[in-house]
Every structure is written in C-alpha cells, then in structure tokens.
C-alpha cells in the first residue's frame, strides 16, 4: 500500500509539473519585465518632483546596482554643475560689489555679507 501511494504521488507531481511548464497551448506565457519603466527627463535638468517620483527597480538582494549608479551619477553631475554655476555667480557678484565700492558709489547696495559686518545699532 505504501509503494502504491508513493508511485501515485510521483505521477501527480510529474503531471502538475508538466502542466505548469507547458503553459497554454504548449507555449510559455509571456514573462513580465523585471524592471519598471522609469526614466529621467534627458532634455532638461532634474527637478525635485522628478527625484520624488523616482522608484528604482528592486532586485532579489536590494536595488539594482546599475540603475541606482546611473541615477546617482546623473544627480552628482547636475549638482556639481549647479555648484559651479553658483560659485561663478557669487564671484561675479563679489567683483561687481568690489568695483562699485572702488568707484566710491553705493549703487550695488548692502548685501548679506555687509549686513553681517554691521553692528546691531547700525542695522536699526
């Protein structure tokens, strides 16, 4: 009786395995993509909403390294570009202020650095 049940169980397992592997009409079903369709806009700088809406694809042991590295590389490059532009604008502003002071005029007006150097009595 034991051998009969063991053989019957093996036949049932084999039949279920073949049914699952064969799919419908002998054709395997279409596999779902393991990556989500996300893209960052290539034609403009990233905005906060782009980063907030970003959902990186997850792999078995965490995030996909290639996709995550691509996003981080792009963010790092854009931040470096913005930092360079800010430094350039700050240098131009400092040069314009120095030129205005050198000419004896106060056309540029006080800036944040000038405000910090004044005493409390002068600010009021």
Foldseek 3Di string as FASTA:
>chain_A
DVVVVVVVVVVVVVVVVVDQVCPPPSDNDDDDDQFDDADADPPDQDDPVNVVPDDAGADPVGGDPVRVVVVVVSVVVVVVVVVVVVVVVVVVLVVVCVVCVVVVHQVVPDDPVNVVPDDPVVVD
